[in-house]
PDB file of N, CA and C in Angstrom:
ATOM      1  N   MET A   1     -18.517  14.299   2.451  1.00  0.00           N
ATOM      2  CA  MET A   1     -17.431  14.763   3.182  1.00  0.00           C
ATOM      3  C   MET A   1     -16.720  13.985   4.012  1.00  0.00           C
ATOM      4  N   ARG A   2     -15.316  14.078   3.530  1.00  0.00           N
ATOM      5  CA  ARG A   2     -14.047  13.047   3.958  1.00  0.00           C
ATOM      6  C   ARG A   2     -14.305  13.343   5.503  1.00  0.00           C
ATOM      7  N   LYS A   3     -13.784  12.342   6.271  1.00  0.00           N
ATOM      8  CA  LYS A   3     -13.575  12.351   7.462  1.00  0.00           C
ATOM      9  C   LYS A   3     -12.380  12.480   7.937  1.00  0.00           C
ATOM     10  N   ALA A   4     -11.912  13.047   9.002  1.00  0.00           N
ATOM     11  CA  ALA A   4     -10.437  13.070   9.336  1.00  0.00           C
ATOM     12  C   ALA A   4      -9.784  11.877   9.707  1.00  0.00           C
ATOM     13  N   GLY A   5      -8.540  11.881  10.023  1.00  0.00           N
ATOM     14  CA  GLY A   5      -8.011  10.620   9.953  1.00  0.00           C
ATOM     15  C   GLY A   5      -7.258  10.078   9.199  1.00  0.00           C
ATOM     16  N   LYS A   6      -6.532   8.340   9.344  1.00  0.00           N
ATOM     17  CA  LYS A   6      -5.992   8.105   8.688  1.00  0.00           C
ATOM     18  C   LYS A   6      -6.011   6.631   8.849  1.00  0.00           C
ATOM     19  N   LEU A   7      -5.674   5.830   7.791  1.00  0.00           N
ATOM     20  CA  LEU A   7      -5.801   4.343   7.855  1.00  0.00           C
ATOM     21  C   LEU A   7      -4.593   3.893   8.819  1.00  0.00           C
ATOM     22  N   VAL A   8      -4.505   2.917   9.847  1.00  0.00           N
ATOM     23  CA  VAL A   8      -3.916   2.392  10.664  1.00  0.00           C
ATOM     24  C   VAL A   8      -3.716   0.807  10.277  1.00  0.00           C
ATOM     25  N   ARG A   9      -2.857   0.191  11.191  1.00  0.00           N
ATOM     26  CA  ARG A   9      -2.883  -1.248  10.808  1.00  0.00           C
ATOM     27  C   ARG A   9      -3.739  -1.507  11.729  1.00  0.00           C
ATOM     28  N   ASP A  10      -4.255  -3.207  11.283  1.00  0.00           N
ATOM     29  CA  ASP A  10      -5.560  -3.589  12.351  1.00  0.00           C
ATOM     30  C   ASP A  10      -5.765  -3.680  13.944  1.00  0.00           C
ATOM     31  N   LYS A  11      -4.202  -3.782  14.246  1.00  0.00           N
ATOM     32  CA  LYS A  11      -4.137  -3.966  15.520  1.00  0.00           C
ATOM     33  C   LYS A  11      -3.848  -2.572  16.312  1.00  0.00           C
ATOM     34  N   ILE A  12      -3.483  -1.458  15.904  1.00  0.00           N
ATOM     35  CA  ILE A  12      -3.002  -0.199  16.435  1.00  0.00           C
ATOM     36  C   ILE A  12      -4.068   0.293  17.508  1.00  0.00           C
ATOM     37  N   PRO A  13      -5.488  -0.037  17.429  1.00  0.00           N
ATOM     38  CA  PRO A  13      -6.453   0.470  18.153  1.00  0.00           C
ATOM     39  C   PRO A  13      -6.288  -0.395  19.522  1.00  0.00           C
ATOM     40  N   GLU A  14      -6.150  -1.614  19.653  1.00  0.00           N
ATOM     41  CA  GLU A  14      -5.995  -2.476  20.453  1.00  0.00           C
ATOM     42  C   GLU A  14      -4.759  -2.452  21.124  1.00  0.00           C
ATOM     43  N   ILE A  15      -3.482  -2.010  20.631  1.00  0.00           N
ATOM     44  CA  ILE A  15      -2.501  -1.412  21.345  1.00  0.00           C
ATOM     45  C   ILE A  15      -2.598  -0.284  21.678  1.00  0.00           C
ATOM     46  N   ILE A  16      -2.963   1.033  21.327  1.00  0.00           N
ATOM     47  CA  ILE A  16      -3.350   1.958  22.252  1.00  0.00           C
ATOM     48  C   ILE A  16      -4.211   1.994  23.430  1.00  0.00           C
ATOM     49  N   ARG A  17      -5.124   0.788  23.162  1.00  0.00           N
ATOM     50  CA  ARG A  17      -5.864   0.144  24.686  1.00  0.00           C
ATOM     51  C   ARG A  17      -5.268  -0.099  25.675  1.00  0.00           C
ATOM     52  N   GLN A  18      -4.300  -0.970  25.184  1.00  0.00           N
ATOM     53  CA  GLN A  18      -3.604  -1.627  26.130  1.00  0.00           C
ATOM     54  C   GLN A  18      -2.518  -0.642  26.477  1.00  0.00           C
ATOM     55  N   ASP A  19      -2.086   0.554  26.200  1.00  0.00           N
ATOM     56  CA  ASP A  19      -1.287   1.405  26.658  1.00  0.00           C
ATOM     57  C   ASP A  19      -2.167   2.627  27.706  1.00  0.00           C
ATOM     58  N   GLY A  20      -3.455   2.386  27.750  1.00  0.00           N
ATOM     59  CA  GLY A  20      -4.667   3.334  28.404  1.00  0.00           C
ATOM     60  C   GLY A  20      -4.752   3.967  27.779  1.00  0.00           C
ATOM     61  N   GLY A  21      -4.747   4.154  26.543  1.00  0.00           N
ATOM     62  CA  GLY A  21      -5.621   5.101  25.591  1.00  0.00           C
ATOM     63  C   GLY A  21      -7.026   4.692  25.448  1.00  0.00           C
ATOM     64  N   ASP A  22      -7.973   5.794  24.556  1.00  0.00           N
ATOM     65  CA  ASP A  22      -9.161   5.177  24.372  1.00  0.00           C
ATOM     66  C   ASP A  22      -9.387   5.979  22.673  1.00  0.00           C
ATOM     67  N   PRO A  23      -9.004   5.055  21.777  1.00  0.00           N
ATOM     68  CA  PRO A  23      -8.924   5.568  20.470  1.00  0.00           C
ATOM     69  C   PRO A  23     -10.313   5.403  19.826  1.00  0.00           C
ATOM     70  N   THR A  24     -10.658   6.754  18.900  1.00  0.00           N
ATOM     71  CA  THR A  24     -11.721   6.752  18.298  1.00  0.00           C
ATOM     72  C   THR A  24     -11.560   6.577  16.759  1.00  0.00           C
ATOM     73  N   THR A  25     -12.253   5.173  16.398  1.00  0.00           N
ATOM     74  CA  THR A  25     -11.948   4.631  15.005  1.00  0.00           C
ATOM     75  C   THR A  25     -13.506   4.661  14.407  1.00  0.00           C
ATOM     76  N   TYR A  26     -13.310   4.080  13.147  1.00  0.00           N
ATOM     77  CA  TYR A  26     -14.265   3.663  12.233  1.00  0.00           C
ATOM     78  C   TYR A  26     -13.872   2.707  11.177  1.00  0.00           C
ATOM     79  N   ILE A  27     -14.665   2.204  10.791  1.00  0.00           N
ATOM     80  CA  ILE A  27     -14.205   0.921   9.483  1.00  0.00           C
ATOM     81  C   ILE A  27     -14.657   1.547   8.256  1.00  0.00           C
ATOM     82  N   ALA A  28     -13.641   1.971   7.175  1.00  0.00           N
ATOM     83  CA  ALA A  28     -14.026   2.635   6.039  1.00  0.00           C
ATOM     84  C   ALA A  28     -15.024   1.790   5.192  1.00  0.00           C
ATOM     85  N   GLU A  29     -15.629   2.247   4.178  1.00  0.00           N
ATOM     86  CA  GLU A  29     -16.299   1.547   3.244  1.00  0.00           C
ATOM     87  C   GLU A  29     -15.628   1.251   2.050  1.00  0.00           C
ATOM     88  N   ASN A  30     -15.723   0.632   1.126  1.00  0.00           N
ATOM     89  CA  ASN A  30     -15.104   0.407   0.137  1.00  0.00           C
ATOM     90  C   ASN A  30     -14.152   1.108  -0.765  1.00  0.00           C
ATOM     91  N   ALA A  31     -15.342   2.286  -0.875  1.00  0.00           N
ATOM     92  CA  ALA A  31     -14.628   3.567  -1.676  1.00  0.00           C
ATOM     93  C   ALA A  31     -13.302   3.974  -0.777  1.00  0.00           C
ATOM     94  N   GLU A  32     -13.943   4.521   0.185  1.00  0.00           N
ATOM     95  CA  GLU A  32     -12.962   5.152   1.161  1.00  0.00           C
ATOM     96  C   GLU A  32     -11.872   4.419   1.419  1.00  0.00           C
ATOM     97  N   TYR A  33     -11.899   2.959   1.726  1.00  0.00           N
ATOM     98  CA  TYR A  33     -10.646   2.257   1.990  1.00  0.00           C
ATOM     99  C   TYR A  33      -9.665   2.036   1.035  1.00  0.00           C
ATOM    100  N   MET A  34     -10.195   2.197  -0.347  1.00  0.00           N
ATOM    101  CA  MET A  34      -9.513   1.932  -1.404  1.00  0.00           C
ATOM    102  C   MET A  34      -8.246   3.221  -1.449  1.00  0.00           C
ATOM    103  N   GLU A  35      -9.194   4.555  -1.395  1.00  0.00           N
ATOM    104  CA  GLU A  35      -8.581   5.698  -1.406  1.00  0.00           C
ATOM    105  C   GLU A  35      -7.676   6.167  -0.532  1.00  0.00           C
ATOM    106  N   ARG A  36      -8.063   5.254   0.842  1.00  0.00           N
ATOM    107  CA  ARG A  36      -7.120   5.727   1.923  1.00  0.00           C
ATOM    108  C   ARG A  36      -5.959   4.790   1.795  1.00  0.00           C
ATOM    109  N   LEU A  37      -6.042   3.637   1.130  1.00  0.00           N
ATOM    110  CA  LEU A  37      -4.788   2.643   0.776  1.00  0.00           C
ATOM    111  C   LEU A  37      -3.776   3.273   0.091  1.00  0.00           C
ATOM    112  N   ARG A  38      -4.302   3.971  -1.059  1.00  0.00           N
ATOM    113  CA  ARG A  38      -3.591   4.528  -2.112  1.00  0.00           C
ATOM    114  C   ARG A  38      -2.930   5.416  -1.293  1.00  0.00           C
ATOM    115  N   GLU A  39      -3.498   6.238  -0.404  1.00  0.00           N
ATOM    116  CA  GLU A  39      -2.785   7.379   0.234  1.00  0.00           C
ATOM    117  C   GLU A  39      -1.993   7.093   1.303  1.00  0.00           C
ATOM    118  N   LYS A  40      -2.112   5.720   1.829  1.00  0.00           N
ATOM    119  CA  LYS A  40      -1.017   4.926   3.061  1.00  0.00           C
ATOM    120  C   LYS A  40       0.093   4.170   1.896  1.00  0.00           C
ATOM    121  N   LEU A  41      -0.135   3.810   0.812  1.00  0.00           N
ATOM    122  CA  LEU A  41       0.800   3.693  -0.080  1.00  0.00           C
ATOM    123  C   LEU A  41       2.203   4.546  -0.326  1.00  0.00           C
ATOM    124  N   ASN A  42       1.285   5.842  -0.675  1.00  0.00           N
ATOM    125  CA  ASN A  42       2.187   7.072  -0.955  1.00  0.00           C
ATOM    126  C   ASN A  42       2.987   7.212   0.203  1.00  0.00           C
ATOM    127  N   GLU A  43       2.337   7.209   1.751  1.00  0.00           N
ATOM    128  CA  GLU A  43       3.058   7.582   2.777  1.00  0.00           C
ATOM    129  C   GLU A  43       4.176   6.780   3.009  1.00  0.00           C
ATOM    130  N   GLU A  44       3.750   5.467   2.905  1.00  0.00           N
ATOM    131  CA  GLU A  44       4.573   4.556   3.378  1.00  0.00           C
ATOM    132  C   GLU A  44       5.886   4.691   2.143  1.00  0.00           C
ATOM    133  N   VAL A  45       5.779   4.790   1.158  1.00  0.00           N
ATOM    134  CA  VAL A  45       6.820   5.039  -0.149  1.00  0.00           C
ATOM    135  C   VAL A  45       7.666   6.384   0.270  1.00  0.00           C
ATOM    136  N   GLN A  46       7.088   7.260   0.704  1.00  0.00           N
ATOM    137  CA  GLN A  46       7.834   8.729   1.140  1.00  0.00           C
ATOM    138  C   GLN A  46       8.666   8.275   2.372  1.00  0.00           C
ATOM    139  N   GLU A  47       8.199   7.507   3.238  1.00  0.00           N
ATOM    140  CA  GLU A  47       8.909   6.876   4.514  1.00  0.00           C
ATOM    141  C   GLU A  47      10.170   5.892   4.050  1.00  0.00           C
ATOM    142  N   PHE A  48      10.329   5.090   3.343  1.00  0.00           N
ATOM    143  CA  PHE A  48      11.360   4.447   2.463  1.00  0.00           C
ATOM    144  C   PHE A  48      12.107   5.310   1.873  1.00  0.00           C
ATOM    145  N   LEU A  49      11.616   6.451   0.990  1.00  0.00           N
ATOM    146  CA  LEU A  49      12.663   7.315   0.674  1.00  0.00           C
ATOM    147  C   LEU A  49      13.573   8.259   1.625  1.00  0.00           C
ATOM    148  N   ASP A  50      12.661   8.331   2.709  1.00  0.00           N
ATOM    149  CA  ASP A  50      13.564   9.085   3.566  1.00  0.00           C
ATOM    150  C   ASP A  50      14.417   8.332   4.495  1.00  0.00           C
ATOM    151  N   ALA A  51      14.174   7.293   4.449  1.00  0.00           N
ATOM    152  CA  ALA A  51      14.734   6.664   5.276  1.00  0.00           C
ATOM    153  C   ALA A  51      16.355   6.358   5.145  1.00  0.00           C
ATOM    154  N   ASP A  52      17.056   6.277   6.352  1.00  0.00           N
ATOM    155  CA  ASP A  52      18.246   5.758   6.276  1.00  0.00           C
ATOM    156  C   ASP A  52      18.592   3.931   6.003  1.00  0.00           C
ATOM    157  N   GLU A  53      19.788   3.873   5.680  1.00  0.00           N
ATOM    158  CA  GLU A  53      20.147   2.099   5.476  1.00  0.00           C
ATOM    159  C   GLU A  53      19.385   1.240   6.346  1.00  0.00           C
ATOM    160  N   ALA A  54      19.393   1.677   7.787  1.00  0.00           N
ATOM    161  CA  ALA A  54      19.022   1.020   8.975  1.00  0.00           C
ATOM    162  C   ALA A  54      17.288   0.656   9.070  1.00  0.00           C
ATOM    163  N   GLU A  55      16.839   1.719   8.846  1.00  0.00           N
ATOM    164  CA  GLU A  55      15.237   1.956   8.872  1.00  0.00           C
ATOM    165  C   GLU A  55      14.695   1.354   7.489  1.00  0.00           C
ATOM    166  N   ALA A  56      15.579   1.149   6.528  1.00  0.00           N
ATOM    167  CA  ALA A  56      14.774   1.008   4.938  1.00  0.00           C
ATOM    168  C   ALA A  56      14.395  -0.297   5.220  1.00  0.00           C
ATOM    169  N   PRO A  57      14.355  -1.276   5.603  1.00  0.00           N
ATOM    170  CA  PRO A  57      14.081  -2.854   5.512  1.00  0.00           C
ATOM    171  C   PRO A  57      12.751  -2.691   6.244  1.00  0.00           C
ATOM    172  N   GLU A  58      12.376  -1.803   7.256  1.00  0.00           N
ATOM    173  CA  GLU A  58      11.126  -1.704   8.438  1.00  0.00           C
ATOM    174  C   GLU A  58      10.079  -0.974   7.326  1.00  0.00           C
ATOM    175  N   GLU A  59      10.589   0.139   6.742  1.00  0.00           N
ATOM    176  CA  GLU A  59       9.766   0.923   5.607  1.00  0.00           C
ATOM    177  C   GLU A  59       9.482   0.208   4.468  1.00  0.00           C
ATOM    178  N   LEU A  60      10.246  -0.328   3.967  1.00  0.00           N
ATOM    179  CA  LEU A  60       9.746  -1.248   3.093  1.00  0.00           C
ATOM    180  C   LEU A  60       8.859  -2.394   3.206  1.00  0.00           C
ATOM    181  N   ALA A  61       8.948  -3.185   3.987  1.00  0.00           N
ATOM    182  CA  ALA A  61       8.021  -3.924   5.105  1.00  0.00           C
ATOM    183  C   ALA A  61       6.582  -3.065   4.745  1.00  0.00           C
ATOM    184  N   ASP A  62       6.633  -2.088   5.090  1.00  0.00           N
ATOM    185  CA  ASP A  62       5.502  -1.280   5.458  1.00  0.00           C
ATOM    186  C   ASP A  62       4.790  -1.291   3.961  1.00  0.00           C
ATOM    187  N   VAL A  63       5.469  -0.753   2.756  1.00  0.00           N
ATOM    188  CA  VAL A  63       5.177  -0.954   1.528  1.00  0.00           C
ATOM    189  C   VAL A  63       4.809  -2.035   1.247  1.00  0.00           C
ATOM    190  N   LEU A  64       5.462  -2.979   1.236  1.00  0.00           N
ATOM    191  CA  LEU A  64       4.629  -4.230   0.583  1.00  0.00           C
ATOM    192  C   LEU A  64       3.253  -4.811   1.519  1.00  0.00           C
ATOM    193  N   GLU A  65       3.283  -4.443   2.931  1.00  0.00           N
ATOM    194  CA  GLU A  65       2.009  -4.505   3.387  1.00  0.00           C
ATOM    195  C   GLU A  65       0.908  -4.049   2.955  1.00  0.00           C
ATOM    196  N   VAL A  66       1.006  -2.718   2.740  1.00  0.00           N
ATOM    197  CA  VAL A  66       0.103  -1.885   1.915  1.00  0.00           C
ATOM    198  C   VAL A  66      -0.100  -2.288   0.474  1.00  0.00           C
ATOM    199  N   VAL A  67       0.756  -2.729  -0.316  1.00  0.00           N
ATOM    200  CA  VAL A  67       0.727  -3.513  -1.791  1.00  0.00           C
ATOM    201  C   VAL A  67      -0.281  -4.805  -1.475  1.00  0.00           C
ATOM    202  N   ARG A  68       0.035  -5.635  -0.639  1.00  0.00           N
ATOM    203  CA  ARG A  68      -0.732  -6.980  -0.189  1.00  0.00           C
ATOM    204  C   ARG A  68      -2.326  -6.643  -0.185  1.00  0.00           C
ATOM    205  N   ALA A  69      -2.179  -5.085   0.959  1.00  0.00           N
ATOM    206  CA  ALA A  69      -3.749  -5.062   1.331  1.00  0.00           C
ATOM    207  C   ALA A  69      -4.485  -4.446  -0.128  1.00  0.00           C
ATOM    208  N   LEU A  70      -3.858  -3.616  -0.843  1.00  0.00           N
ATOM    209  CA  LEU A  70      -4.448  -3.403  -2.260  1.00  0.00           C
ATOM    210  C   LEU A  70      -4.796  -4.413  -3.159  1.00  0.00           C
ATOM    211  N   ALA A  71      -3.978  -5.313  -3.289  1.00  0.00           N
ATOM    212  CA  ALA A  71      -4.236  -6.584  -4.116  1.00  0.00           C
ATOM    213  C   ALA A  71      -5.253  -7.466  -3.203  1.00  0.00           C
ATOM    214  N   GLN A  72      -5.382  -7.379  -1.854  1.00  0.00           N
ATOM    215  CA  GLN A  72      -6.408  -8.172  -1.518  1.00  0.00           C
ATOM    216  C   GLN A  72      -7.992  -7.435  -2.187  1.00  0.00           C
ATOM    217  N   SER A  73      -7.759  -6.147  -1.734  1.00  0.00           N
ATOM    218  CA  SER A  73      -9.179  -5.484  -1.982  1.00  0.00           C
ATOM    219  C   SER A  73      -9.481  -5.135  -3.404  1.00  0.00           C
ATOM    220  N   LEU A  74      -8.557  -5.480  -4.532  1.00  0.00           N
ATOM    221  CA  LEU A  74      -9.097  -5.634  -5.596  1.00  0.00           C
ATOM    222  C   LEU A  74      -9.211  -7.321  -6.171  1.00  0.00           C
ATOM    223  N   GLY A  75      -9.273  -8.165  -5.044  1.00  0.00           N
ATOM    224  CA  GLY A  75      -9.627  -9.423  -5.358  1.00  0.00           C
ATOM    225  C   GLY A  75      -8.639 -10.312  -6.015  1.00  0.00           C
ATOM    226  N   ILE A  76      -7.242  -9.745  -5.775  1.00  0.00           N
ATOM    227  CA  ILE A  76      -6.277 -10.407  -5.954  1.00  0.00           C
ATOM    228  C   ILE A  76      -5.413 -11.134  -4.861  1.00  0.00           C
ATOM    229  N   GLU A  77      -5.265 -12.339  -4.816  1.00  0.00           N
ATOM    230  CA  GLU A  77      -4.780 -13.027  -3.918  1.00  0.00           C
ATOM    231  C   GLU A  77      -2.989 -12.851  -3.977  1.00  0.00           C
ATOM    232  N   ALA A  78      -2.422 -13.112  -2.861  1.00  0.00           N
ATOM    233  CA  ALA A  78      -0.825 -12.990  -2.832  1.00  0.00           C
ATOM    234  C   ALA A  78       0.082 -13.914  -3.779  1.00  0.00           C
ATOM    235  N   ALA A  79      -0.814 -14.995  -3.690  1.00  0.00           N
ATOM    236  CA  ALA A  79       0.084 -16.228  -4.978  1.00  0.00           C
ATOM    237  C   ALA A  79      -0.372 -15.514  -6.037  1.00  0.00           C
ATOM    238  N   GLU A  80      -1.458 -14.978  -6.519  1.00  0.00           N
ATOM    239  CA  GLU A  80      -1.895 -14.529  -8.278  1.00  0.00           C
ATOM    240  C   GLU A  80      -0.771 -13.233  -8.608  1.00  0.00           C
ATOM    241  N   LEU A  81      -0.696 -12.276  -7.437  1.00  0.00           N
ATOM    242  CA  LEU A  81      -0.227 -11.391  -7.578  1.00  0.00           C
ATOM    243  C   LEU A  81       1.452 -11.942  -7.947  1.00  0.00           C
ATOM    244  N   GLU A  82       2.184 -12.620  -7.284  1.00  0.00           N
ATOM    245  CA  GLU A  82       3.514 -13.208  -7.341  1.00  0.00           C
ATOM    246  C   GLU A  82       3.407 -13.750  -8.753  1.00  0.00           C
ATOM    247  N   ARG A  83       2.334 -14.521  -9.241  1.00  0.00           N
ATOM    248  CA  ARG A  83       2.429 -15.268 -10.468  1.00  0.00           C
ATOM    249  C   ARG A  83       2.520 -13.894 -11.766  1.00  0.00           C
ATOM    250  N   ILE A  84       1.746 -12.865 -11.339  1.00  0.00           N
ATOM    251  CA  ILE A  84       1.748 -11.524 -12.243  1.00  0.00           C
ATOM    252  C   ILE A  84       2.915 -11.264 -12.366  1.00  0.00           C
ATOM    253  N   ARG A  85       3.999 -10.906 -10.915  1.00  0.00           N
ATOM    254  CA  ARG A  85       5.256 -10.450 -10.981  1.00  0.00           C
ATOM    255  C   ARG A  85       6.195 -11.455 -11.834  1.00  0.00           C
ATOM    256  N   GLN A  86       5.914 -12.669 -11.575  1.00  0.00           N
ATOM    257  CA  GLN A  86       7.029 -13.493 -12.148  1.00  0.00           C
ATOM    258  C   GLN A  86       6.633 -13.492 -13.650  1.00  0.00           C
ATOM    259  N   ARG A  87       5.517 -13.255 -14.088  1.00  0.00           N
ATOM    260  CA  ARG A  87       5.423 -13.161 -15.610  1.00  0.00           C
ATOM    261  C   ARG A  87       5.966 -12.291 -16.290  1.00  0.00           C
ATOM    262  N   LYS A  88       5.902 -11.119 -15.578  1.00  0.00           N
ATOM    263  CA  LYS A  88       6.543  -9.649 -16.115  1.00  0.00           C
ATOM    264  C   LYS A  88       7.983  -9.902 -15.788  1.00  0.00           C
ATOM    265  N   PHE A  89       8.126 -10.812 -14.809  1.00  0.00           N
ATOM    266  CA  PHE A  89       9.894 -10.479 -14.660  1.00  0.00           C
ATOM    267  C   PHE A  89      10.459 -11.479 -16.009  1.00  0.00           C
ATOM    268  N   GLN A  90       9.792 -12.543 -16.064  1.00  0.00           N
ATOM    269  CA  GLN A  90      10.190 -13.499 -17.220  1.00  0.00           C
ATOM    270  C   GLN A  90      10.122 -13.072 -18.621  1.00  0.00           C
ATOM    271  N   ALA A  91       9.222 -11.734 -18.938  1.00  0.00           N
ATOM    272  CA  ALA A  91       8.830 -11.277 -20.326  1.00  0.00           C
ATOM    273  C   ALA A  91      10.155 -10.055 -20.249  1.00  0.00           C
ATOM    274  N   LYS A  92      10.012  -9.365 -19.204  1.00  0.00           N
ATOM    275  CA  LYS A  92      10.885  -8.095 -19.168  1.00  0.00           C
ATOM    276  C   LYS A  92      12.258  -8.017 -18.534  1.00  0.00           C
ATOM    277  N   GLY A  93      12.030  -8.848 -17.449  1.00  0.00           N
ATOM    278  CA  GLY A  93      13.323  -8.957 -16.302  1.00  0.00           C
ATOM    279  C   GLY A  93      12.942  -7.973 -15.108  1.00  0.00           C
ATOM    280  N   GLY A  94      14.020  -7.758 -14.346  1.00  0.00           N
ATOM    281  CA  GLY A  94      13.971  -6.916 -13.206  1.00  0.00           C
ATOM    282  C   GLY A  94      14.080  -5.759 -12.871  1.00  0.00           C
ATOM    283  N   PHE A  95      14.830  -5.525 -12.041  1.00  0.00           N
ATOM    284  CA  PHE A  95      15.379  -4.276 -11.879  1.00  0.00           C
ATOM    285  C   PHE A  95      16.647  -4.202 -11.088  1.00  0.00           C
ATOM    286  N   THR A  96      17.210  -5.487 -11.341  1.00  0.00           N
ATOM    287  CA  THR A  96      18.551  -5.767 -10.478  1.00  0.00           C
ATOM    288  C   THR A  96      19.715  -5.367 -11.015  1.00  0.00           C
ATOM    289  N   ARG A  97      19.786  -4.991 -12.216  1.00  0.00           N
ATOM    290  CA  ARG A  97      20.871  -4.532 -12.953  1.00  0.00           C
ATOM    291  C   ARG A  97      21.385  -3.288 -13.061  1.00  0.00           C
ATOM    292  N   GLY A  98      20.302  -2.321 -12.525  1.00  0.00           N
ATOM    293  CA  GLY A  98      20.644  -0.746 -12.886  1.00  0.00           C
ATOM    294  C   GLY A  98      20.611  -0.392 -13.932  1.00  0.00           C
ATOM    295  N   ILE A  99      19.822  -0.474 -14.979  1.00  0.00           N
ATOM    296  CA  ILE A  99      19.741  -0.361 -16.311  1.00  0.00           C
ATOM    297  C   ILE A  99      19.394   0.928 -16.613  1.00  0.00           C
ATOM    298  N   ILE A 100      19.661   2.114 -17.333  1.00  0.00           N
ATOM    299  CA  ILE A 100      19.110   3.264 -16.906  1.00  0.00           C
ATOM    300  C   ILE A 100      18.763   3.818 -18.569  1.00  0.00           C
ATOM    301  N   TRP A 101      17.300   3.612 -19.245  1.00  0.00           N
ATOM    302  CA  TRP A 101      17.400   4.101 -20.547  1.00  0.00           C
ATOM    303  C   TRP A 101      17.251   5.753 -20.602  1.00  0.00           C
ATOM    304  N   LEU A 102      18.310   5.804 -21.798  1.00  0.00           N
ATOM    305  CA  LEU A 102      18.154   7.551 -22.206  1.00  0.00           C
ATOM    306  C   LEU A 102      17.681   7.847 -23.344  1.00  0.00           C
ATOM    307  N   GLY A 103      16.595   6.906 -23.809  1.00  0.00           N
ATOM    308  CA  GLY A 103      15.712   7.153 -24.815  1.00  0.00           C
ATOM    309  C   GLY A 103      16.088   6.063 -26.066  1.00  0.00           C
ATOM    310  N   ASP A 104      15.337   6.443 -26.890  1.00  0.00           N
ATOM    311  CA  ASP A 104      15.463   5.648 -28.528  1.00  0.00           C
ATOM    312  C   ASP A 104      16.379   6.304 -29.401  1.00  0.00           C
ATOM    313  N   LYS A 105      17.397   6.129 -29.923  1.00  0.00           N
ATOM    314  CA  LYS A 105      17.852   6.670 -31.112  1.00  0.00           C
ATOM    315  C   LYS A 105      17.686   6.614 -32.088  1.00  0.00           C
ATOM    316  N   ALA A 106      16.942   5.811 -32.587  1.00  0.00           N
ATOM    317  CA  ALA A 106      15.592   5.662 -33.697  1.00  0.00           C
ATOM    318  C   ALA A 106      14.982   6.651 -33.968  1.00  0.00           C
ATOM    319  N   ASN A 107      14.314   7.131 -32.737  1.00  0.00           N
ATOM    320  CA  ASN A 107      13.269   8.199 -32.649  1.00  0.00           C
ATOM    321  C   ASN A 107      13.913   9.688 -32.404  1.00  0.00           C
ATOM    322  N   GLU A 108      15.146   9.699 -31.958  1.00  0.00           N
ATOM    323  CA  GLU A 108      15.778  11.070 -31.809  1.00  0.00           C
ATOM    324  C   GLU A 108      15.516  11.960 -32.916  1.00  0.00           C
ATOM    325  N   SER A 109      15.359  13.246 -32.638  1.00  0.00           N
ATOM    326  CA  SER A 109      15.356  14.279 -33.725  1.00  0.00           C
ATOM    327  C   SER A 109      16.640  14.806 -33.710  1.00  0.00           C
ATOM    328  N   THR A 110      17.045  15.177 -35.303  1.00  0.00           N
ATOM    329  CA  THR A 110      18.733  15.408 -35.563  1.00  0.00           C
ATOM    330  C   THR A 110      18.811  17.054 -35.392  1.00  0.00           C
ATOM    331  N   GLY A 111      17.628  17.585 -35.623  1.00  0.00           N
ATOM    332  CA  GLY A 111      17.804  19.102 -35.382  1.00  0.00           C
ATOM    333  C   GLY A 111      17.524  19.574 -33.808  1.00  0.00           C
ATOM    334  N   SER A 112      17.935  20.615 -33.672  1.00  0.00           N
ATOM    335  CA  SER A 112      17.774  21.182 -31.844  1.00  0.00           C
ATOM    336  C   SER A 112      17.267  22.281 -32.084  1.00  0.00           C
TER     337      SER A 112
END
């Protein structure tokens, strides 16, 4: 049975203690940690999507932190992740031009 709670940044318990609190925590095993990281990624992406322009950079940094933790838990160093990103960028480009794909005319049906 899964325990309650949510994944938090490493220093959060320490910060809570400094503020006079007494946090209850535990360290997740690998399978739970991966599941919690995926949940955290979803949470942080949603917070980014809900953020206004002023809040967006902070939320985007949170997304990046979770992505880095996911990569590390998969045995991928940050430099390797960047090499993979660059390889894909070289092969397929990035998302900077705002291109929207509407489909493939060669595969469209002529009947409605």
